[in-house]
Amino acid sequence: MAGILTLKSLFSFCFLLLHPFNVAFLSLAELKDVMRHFSSVGVSNYTTLTLADSDGLLYIGAREAIFALSTSNMELQDMILWEAPAEKKTECIQKGKSNQTDCFNYIRLLQPYNSSHMYTCGTYAFQPKCAYIVIMPPPS
C-alpha cells in the first residue's frame, strides 16, 4: 500500500538499527498485537526516516510533510506541513514536469544537527530547498 506506514513495515528497519547483532524473526501473527497503522489524509510517499533514539522519536519525511512519532507507541507527536508554494509548482509544470507526481516537496533528508535542530531538505517542486527545523523535546 503506497503512502501507508505501519509498525510492521518499520519494525524490521528500526529493530536492526537498535539491535544490529541480535536479529529475531517474528511471524505476522506475533506482530498483530503490537502493530500500529499510521497515515495522514492527503499525504503519501513516506520514504525518509530518522530515528532520534535519545528523544524517543521517529521522524518521517513524506510528500510535503514531516512527522514525529513516539517510538514507544507509534503515536503522532507533531507534524510540520512543508508544501511547495503555488508559484513553484507552476514553474515546475512549465518545465514539463508532472503536476500529479513531480511538482511537490518530497522530503529527502532529515539529519539531526544538534540537540535542538534538525537539518532537512526537500525537492521543493524541482527547486531543492533545505532548512533547519526545531525538534521536539523528549516526551515526558
N, C-alpha and C. Protein backbone atom coordinates (compact mmCIF):
# COMPACT_ATOMS: atom_id res chain seq x y z
N MET A 1 0.84 -1.18 0.00
CA MET A 1 0.00 0.00 0.00
C MET A 1 0.88 1.24 0.00
N ALA A 2 0.92 1.93 -1.08
CA ALA A 2 1.73 3.14 -1.20
C ALA A 2 1.19 4.23 -0.28
N GLY A 3 2.09 4.90 0.40
CA GLY A 3 1.68 6.02 1.23
C GLY A 3 1.21 5.66 2.62
N ILE A 4 1.23 4.39 2.98
CA ILE A 4 0.79 3.99 4.31
C ILE A 4 1.98 3.40 5.06
N LEU A 5 2.24 3.92 6.23
CA LEU A 5 3.33 3.47 7.06
C LEU A 5 2.74 2.68 8.21
N THR A 6 3.19 1.47 8.40
CA THR A 6 2.70 0.66 9.51
C THR A 6 3.87 0.29 10.40
N LEU A 7 3.56 -0.06 11.62
CA LEU A 7 4.59 -0.52 12.53
C LEU A 7 5.26 -1.75 11.94
N LYS A 8 4.50 -2.59 11.26
CA LYS A 8 5.08 -3.78 10.65
C LYS A 8 6.15 -3.41 9.65
N SER A 9 5.88 -2.40 8.80
CA SER A 9 6.86 -2.02 7.79
C SER A 9 8.09 -1.37 8.39
N LEU A 10 7.95 -0.74 9.55
CA LEU A 10 9.09 -0.09 10.19
C LEU A 10 9.81 -1.00 11.18
N PHE A 11 9.16 -2.05 11.61
CA PHE A 11 9.70 -2.87 12.68
C PHE A 11 11.08 -3.42 12.32
N SER A 12 11.20 -4.03 11.17
CA SER A 12 12.48 -4.61 10.78
C SER A 12 13.55 -3.54 10.69
N PHE A 13 13.22 -2.40 10.07
CA PHE A 13 14.18 -1.30 9.93
C PHE A 13 14.64 -0.81 11.30
N CYS A 14 13.70 -0.50 12.18
CA CYS A 14 14.05 0.04 13.49
C CYS A 14 14.74 -1.01 14.36
N PHE A 15 14.29 -2.24 14.26
CA PHE A 15 14.88 -3.30 15.07
C PHE A 15 16.34 -3.48 14.71
N LEU A 16 16.66 -3.46 13.42
CA LEU A 16 18.04 -3.62 13.00
C LEU A 16 18.89 -2.41 13.39
N LEU A 17 18.30 -1.22 13.39
CA LEU A 17 19.05 -0.04 13.82
C LEU A 17 19.39 -0.11 15.32
N LEU A 18 18.42 -0.55 16.10
CA LEU A 18 18.61 -0.59 17.55
C LEU A 18 19.38 -1.82 18.01
N HIS A 19 19.26 -2.92 17.30
CA HIS A 19 19.86 -4.19 17.70
C HIS A 19 20.50 -4.88 16.50
N PRO A 20 21.59 -4.32 15.96
CA PRO A 20 22.14 -4.85 14.72
C PRO A 20 22.69 -6.27 14.83
N PHE A 21 22.99 -6.74 16.03
CA PHE A 21 23.58 -8.08 16.15
C PHE A 21 22.62 -9.09 16.78
N ASN A 22 21.48 -8.66 17.24
CA ASN A 22 20.50 -9.55 17.86
C ASN A 22 19.25 -9.60 17.00
N VAL A 23 19.35 -10.20 15.86
CA VAL A 23 18.24 -10.23 14.92
C VAL A 23 17.30 -11.38 15.30
N ALA A 24 16.02 -11.05 15.34
CA ALA A 24 14.99 -12.05 15.61
C ALA A 24 13.97 -11.97 14.49
N PHE A 25 13.41 -13.09 14.16
CA PHE A 25 12.39 -13.13 13.13
C PHE A 25 11.06 -13.48 13.79
N LEU A 26 10.07 -12.63 13.54
CA LEU A 26 8.76 -12.81 14.11
C LEU A 26 7.75 -13.02 13.00
N SER A 27 6.77 -13.82 13.29
CA SER A 27 5.72 -14.05 12.31
C SER A 27 4.71 -12.90 12.37
N LEU A 28 3.89 -12.79 11.34
CA LEU A 28 2.85 -11.78 11.32
C LEU A 28 1.90 -11.95 12.49
N ALA A 29 1.60 -13.18 12.84
CA ALA A 29 0.71 -13.44 13.97
C ALA A 29 1.29 -12.88 15.26
N GLU A 30 2.61 -12.98 15.44
CA GLU A 30 3.25 -12.45 16.64
C GLU A 30 3.23 -10.92 16.67
N LEU A 31 3.20 -10.30 15.51
CA LEU A 31 3.21 -8.84 15.43
C LEU A 31 1.82 -8.21 15.53
N LYS A 32 0.78 -8.98 15.26
CA LYS A 32 -0.57 -8.40 15.19
C LYS A 32 -0.98 -7.67 16.46
N ASP A 33 -0.53 -8.13 17.60
CA ASP A 33 -0.92 -7.48 18.86
C ASP A 33 -0.25 -6.13 19.06
N VAL A 34 0.87 -5.90 18.38
CA VAL A 34 1.61 -4.66 18.59
C VAL A 34 1.64 -3.76 17.35
N MET A 35 1.07 -4.19 16.26
CA MET A 35 1.09 -3.40 15.03
C MET A 35 0.25 -2.14 15.19
N ARG A 36 0.74 -1.06 14.64
CA ARG A 36 0.02 0.20 14.61
C ARG A 36 0.01 0.70 13.18
N HIS A 37 -1.04 1.38 12.81
CA HIS A 37 -1.19 1.94 11.47
C HIS A 37 -1.05 3.45 11.57
N PHE A 38 -0.29 4.03 10.67
CA PHE A 38 -0.15 5.47 10.64
C PHE A 38 -0.29 5.96 9.21
N SER A 39 -1.12 6.96 9.01
CA SER A 39 -1.20 7.67 7.73
C SER A 39 -1.85 9.01 8.01
N SER A 40 -1.69 9.91 7.06
CA SER A 40 -2.30 11.23 7.17
C SER A 40 -3.02 11.52 5.87
N VAL A 41 -4.23 12.02 5.95
CA VAL A 41 -5.04 12.28 4.77
C VAL A 41 -4.31 13.22 3.82
N GLY A 42 -4.23 12.83 2.56
CA GLY A 42 -3.62 13.66 1.54
C GLY A 42 -2.11 13.60 1.48
N VAL A 43 -1.49 12.81 2.35
CA VAL A 43 -0.03 12.70 2.37
C VAL A 43 0.37 11.30 1.91
N SER A 44 1.43 11.26 1.11
CA SER A 44 1.93 9.97 0.64
C SER A 44 3.45 10.02 0.60
N ASN A 45 4.05 8.94 0.14
CA ASN A 45 5.49 8.86 -0.06
C ASN A 45 6.26 9.01 1.25
N TYR A 46 5.97 8.15 2.20
CA TYR A 46 6.67 8.15 3.49
C TYR A 46 7.99 7.41 3.31
N THR A 47 9.03 8.10 2.86
CA THR A 47 10.25 7.39 2.50
C THR A 47 11.49 7.75 3.30
N THR A 48 11.51 8.89 3.95
CA THR A 48 12.70 9.31 4.66
C THR A 48 12.48 9.12 6.16
N LEU A 49 13.35 8.33 6.79
CA LEU A 49 13.21 8.01 8.20
C LEU A 49 14.48 8.38 8.96
N THR A 50 14.31 8.99 10.13
CA THR A 50 15.43 9.27 11.01
C THR A 50 15.00 8.95 12.42
N LEU A 51 15.75 8.08 13.05
CA LEU A 51 15.45 7.68 14.42
C LEU A 51 16.26 8.53 15.38
N ALA A 52 15.58 9.27 16.23
CA ALA A 52 16.23 10.07 17.27
C ALA A 52 16.03 9.31 18.58
N ASP A 53 16.88 8.32 18.78
CA ASP A 53 16.72 7.42 19.92
C ASP A 53 16.76 8.15 21.25
N SER A 54 17.61 9.17 21.37
CA SER A 54 17.70 9.90 22.64
C SER A 54 16.41 10.65 22.93
N ASP A 55 15.67 11.03 21.90
CA ASP A 55 14.40 11.73 22.07
C ASP A 55 13.21 10.78 22.11
N GLY A 56 13.44 9.51 21.74
CA GLY A 56 12.33 8.57 21.68
C GLY A 56 11.38 8.87 20.54
N LEU A 57 11.91 9.44 19.44
CA LEU A 57 11.08 9.83 18.32
C LEU A 57 11.60 9.26 17.01
N LEU A 58 10.67 8.95 16.14
CA LEU A 58 10.97 8.56 14.78
C LEU A 58 10.45 9.69 13.89
N TYR A 59 11.36 10.34 13.17
CA TYR A 59 10.97 11.41 12.25
C TYR A 59 10.77 10.80 10.87
N ILE A 60 9.69 11.18 10.23
CA ILE A 60 9.33 10.62 8.93
C ILE A 60 9.12 11.76 7.95
N GLY A 61 9.87 11.73 6.86
CA GLY A 61 9.69 12.69 5.79
C GLY A 61 8.79 12.09 4.73
N ALA A 62 7.85 12.86 4.26
CA ALA A 62 6.88 12.39 3.28
C ALA A 62 6.70 13.47 2.21
N ARG A 63 5.65 13.35 1.43
CA ARG A 63 5.36 14.37 0.44
C ARG A 63 4.72 15.56 1.15
N GLU A 64 5.48 16.63 1.22
CA GLU A 64 5.04 17.91 1.77
C GLU A 64 4.75 17.89 3.27
N ALA A 65 5.35 16.95 4.00
CA ALA A 65 5.12 16.89 5.44
C ALA A 65 6.26 16.16 6.14
N ILE A 66 6.46 16.54 7.40
CA ILE A 66 7.40 15.85 8.28
C ILE A 66 6.62 15.48 9.53
N PHE A 67 6.76 14.24 9.96
CA PHE A 67 6.05 13.74 11.13
C PHE A 67 7.04 13.32 12.21
N ALA A 68 6.63 13.45 13.46
CA ALA A 68 7.39 12.92 14.60
C ALA A 68 6.47 11.95 15.33
N LEU A 69 6.90 10.69 15.38
CA LEU A 69 6.12 9.65 16.06
C LEU A 69 6.90 9.14 17.26
N SER A 70 6.20 8.87 18.33
CA SER A 70 6.82 8.29 19.51
C SER A 70 7.24 6.86 19.19
N THR A 71 8.46 6.49 19.56
CA THR A 71 8.92 5.13 19.29
C THR A 71 8.30 4.13 20.27
N SER A 72 7.77 4.61 21.37
CA SER A 72 7.18 3.68 22.35
C SER A 72 5.80 3.20 21.95
N ASN A 73 5.03 4.04 21.24
CA ASN A 73 3.67 3.63 20.88
C ASN A 73 3.27 4.01 19.45
N MET A 74 4.20 4.59 18.70
CA MET A 74 3.98 4.99 17.31
C MET A 74 2.84 6.00 17.15
N GLU A 75 2.58 6.79 18.18
CA GLU A 75 1.56 7.82 18.09
C GLU A 75 2.19 9.12 17.60
N LEU A 76 1.41 9.87 16.83
CA LEU A 76 1.86 11.13 16.27
C LEU A 76 2.08 12.14 17.39
N GLN A 77 3.29 12.71 17.44
CA GLN A 77 3.62 13.72 18.44
C GLN A 77 3.58 15.12 17.84
N ASP A 78 3.97 15.22 16.57
CA ASP A 78 3.99 16.54 15.93
C ASP A 78 4.03 16.34 14.41
N MET A 79 3.66 17.39 13.69
CA MET A 79 3.64 17.35 12.23
C MET A 79 3.94 18.74 11.71
N ILE A 80 4.77 18.81 10.68
CA ILE A 80 5.06 20.08 10.00
C ILE A 80 4.66 19.91 8.54
N LEU A 81 3.78 20.77 8.07
CA LEU A 81 3.48 20.80 6.64
C LEU A 81 4.52 21.70 5.98
N TRP A 82 5.17 21.18 4.94
CA TRP A 82 6.17 21.96 4.22
C TRP A 82 5.89 21.81 2.73
N GLU A 83 4.92 22.55 2.28
CA GLU A 83 4.46 22.46 0.90
C GLU A 83 5.23 23.42 0.01
N ALA A 84 5.44 23.01 -1.23
CA ALA A 84 5.98 23.95 -2.22
C ALA A 84 4.86 24.93 -2.55
N PRO A 85 5.17 26.23 -2.62
CA PRO A 85 4.12 27.21 -2.92
C PRO A 85 3.61 27.07 -4.35
N ALA A 86 2.43 27.61 -4.59
CA ALA A 86 1.77 27.50 -5.90
C ALA A 86 2.64 28.00 -7.04
N GLU A 87 3.36 29.11 -6.82
CA GLU A 87 4.19 29.63 -7.91
C GLU A 87 5.34 28.68 -8.27
N LYS A 88 5.89 27.98 -7.28
CA LYS A 88 6.95 26.99 -7.55
C LYS A 88 6.37 25.79 -8.30
N LYS A 89 5.15 25.40 -7.93
CA LYS A 89 4.50 24.28 -8.63
C LYS A 89 4.20 24.66 -10.08
N THR A 90 3.79 25.90 -10.29
CA THR A 90 3.51 26.38 -11.66
C THR A 90 4.79 26.36 -12.49
N GLU A 91 5.90 26.86 -11.92
CA GLU A 91 7.19 26.83 -12.62
C GLU A 91 7.60 25.40 -12.95
N CYS A 92 7.37 24.50 -12.04
CA CYS A 92 7.69 23.09 -12.23
C CYS A 92 6.91 22.52 -13.42
N ILE A 93 5.64 22.82 -13.47
CA ILE A 93 4.79 22.35 -14.58
C ILE A 93 5.26 22.96 -15.90
N GLN A 94 5.64 24.23 -15.88
CA GLN A 94 6.12 24.89 -17.08
C GLN A 94 7.43 24.28 -17.60
N LYS A 95 8.18 23.62 -16.71
CA LYS A 95 9.42 22.93 -17.10
C LYS A 95 9.13 21.55 -17.68
N GLY A 96 7.84 21.19 -17.76
CA GLY A 96 7.47 19.91 -18.33
C GLY A 96 7.33 18.77 -17.33
N LYS A 97 7.36 19.09 -16.07
CA LYS A 97 7.21 18.06 -15.04
C LYS A 97 5.72 17.82 -14.77
N SER A 98 5.43 16.66 -14.19
CA SER A 98 4.05 16.26 -13.94
C SER A 98 3.47 16.96 -12.71
N ASN A 99 2.28 17.53 -12.87
CA ASN A 99 1.62 18.14 -11.71
C ASN A 99 0.94 17.10 -10.83
N GLN A 100 0.97 15.84 -11.26
CA GLN A 100 0.40 14.75 -10.46
C GLN A 100 1.45 14.07 -9.58
N THR A 101 2.70 14.06 -10.05
CA THR A 101 3.72 13.31 -9.30
C THR A 101 4.99 14.09 -8.98
N ASP A 102 5.36 15.06 -9.79
CA ASP A 102 6.67 15.69 -9.63
C ASP A 102 6.67 17.01 -8.87
N CYS A 103 5.66 17.79 -9.03
CA CYS A 103 5.69 19.19 -8.57
C CYS A 103 5.20 19.36 -7.13
N PHE A 104 5.88 18.67 -6.24
CA PHE A 104 5.58 18.73 -4.81
C PHE A 104 6.90 18.85 -4.07
N ASN A 105 6.84 18.98 -2.77
CA ASN A 105 8.05 18.99 -1.95
C ASN A 105 8.18 17.63 -1.27
N TYR A 106 9.00 16.78 -1.85
CA TYR A 106 9.28 15.46 -1.27
C TYR A 106 10.46 15.61 -0.32
N ILE A 107 10.25 15.28 0.94
CA ILE A 107 11.32 15.40 1.94
C ILE A 107 12.31 14.26 1.69
N ARG A 108 13.57 14.62 1.45
CA ARG A 108 14.60 13.65 1.11
C ARG A 108 15.70 13.51 2.14
N LEU A 109 15.82 14.48 3.06
CA LEU A 109 16.88 14.41 4.07
C LEU A 109 16.33 14.90 5.40
N LEU A 110 16.55 14.12 6.42
CA LEU A 110 16.27 14.50 7.81
C LEU A 110 17.51 14.13 8.59
N GLN A 111 18.30 15.12 8.97
CA GLN A 111 19.57 14.85 9.64
C GLN A 111 19.65 15.65 10.93
N PRO A 112 19.79 14.96 12.08
CA PRO A 112 19.97 15.71 13.32
C PRO A 112 21.18 16.63 13.19
N TYR A 113 21.02 17.88 13.61
CA TYR A 113 22.09 18.86 13.52
C TYR A 113 22.74 19.07 14.89
N ASN A 114 21.90 19.28 15.88
CA ASN A 114 22.36 19.39 17.26
C ASN A 114 21.19 18.98 18.16
N SER A 115 21.27 19.26 19.43
CA SER A 115 20.22 18.80 20.34
C SER A 115 18.89 19.51 20.16
N SER A 116 18.88 20.62 19.43
CA SER A 116 17.63 21.36 19.28
C SER A 116 17.15 21.52 17.84
N HIS A 117 17.97 21.13 16.86
CA HIS A 117 17.61 21.34 15.46
C HIS A 117 17.90 20.12 14.59
N MET A 118 17.13 20.04 13.53
CA MET A 118 17.34 19.03 12.50
C MET A 118 17.48 19.75 11.17
N TYR A 119 18.39 19.26 10.35
CA TYR A 119 18.59 19.82 9.01
C TYR A 119 17.77 18.96 8.06
N THR A 120 16.94 19.60 7.25
CA THR A 120 16.08 18.86 6.35
C THR A 120 16.10 19.49 4.96
N CYS A 121 15.99 18.64 3.96
CA CYS A 121 15.96 19.10 2.57
C CYS A 121 14.80 18.43 1.84
N GLY A 122 14.22 19.19 0.93
CA GLY A 122 13.14 18.66 0.12
C GLY A 122 13.33 19.04 -1.34
N THR A 123 12.60 18.38 -2.22
CA THR A 123 12.73 18.63 -3.65
C THR A 123 12.12 19.97 -4.05
N TYR A 124 11.14 20.44 -3.31
CA TYR A 124 10.53 21.77 -3.45
C TYR A 124 10.14 22.07 -4.91
N ALA A 125 9.39 21.14 -5.48
CA ALA A 125 8.89 21.28 -6.86
C ALA A 125 10.05 21.50 -7.85
N PHE A 126 11.06 20.61 -7.73
CA PHE A 126 12.24 20.64 -8.61
C PHE A 126 13.08 21.91 -8.45
N GLN A 127 13.02 22.51 -7.25
CA GLN A 127 13.89 23.63 -6.90
C GLN A 127 14.33 23.38 -5.46
N PRO A 128 15.24 22.40 -5.26
CA PRO A 128 15.57 21.92 -3.91
C PRO A 128 15.81 23.04 -2.90
N LYS A 129 15.34 22.77 -1.70
CA LYS A 129 15.46 23.74 -0.62
C LYS A 129 15.74 23.00 0.68
N CYS A 130 16.59 23.57 1.50
CA CYS A 130 16.91 22.99 2.80
C CYS A 130 16.59 24.00 3.90
N ALA A 131 16.38 23.49 5.11
CA ALA A 131 16.05 24.35 6.24
C ALA A 131 16.43 23.66 7.54
N TYR A 132 16.58 24.45 8.57
CA TYR A 132 16.75 23.92 9.92
C TYR A 132 15.40 23.98 10.60
N ILE A 133 15.02 22.89 11.24
CA ILE A 133 13.75 22.89 11.98
C ILE A 133 14.04 22.60 13.45
N VAL A 134 13.24 23.19 14.31
CA VAL A 134 13.35 22.95 15.75
C VAL A 134 12.72 21.60 16.02
N ILE A 135 13.48 20.74 16.71
CA ILE A 135 12.96 19.41 17.01
C ILE A 135 12.30 19.42 18.38
N MET A 136 11.46 18.43 18.57
CA MET A 136 10.68 18.34 19.80
C MET A 136 11.56 17.92 20.97
N PRO A 137 11.25 18.41 22.16
CA PRO A 137 11.94 17.90 23.34
C PRO A 137 11.50 16.45 23.59
N PRO A 138 12.29 15.68 24.32
CA PRO A 138 11.91 14.30 24.61
C PRO A 138 10.55 14.21 25.28
N PRO A 139 9.72 13.18 24.92
CA PRO A 139 8.41 13.04 25.56
C PRO A 139 8.58 12.76 27.05
N SER A 140 7.66 13.29 27.85
CA SER A 140 7.77 13.09 29.31
C SER A 140 7.02 11.86 29.75
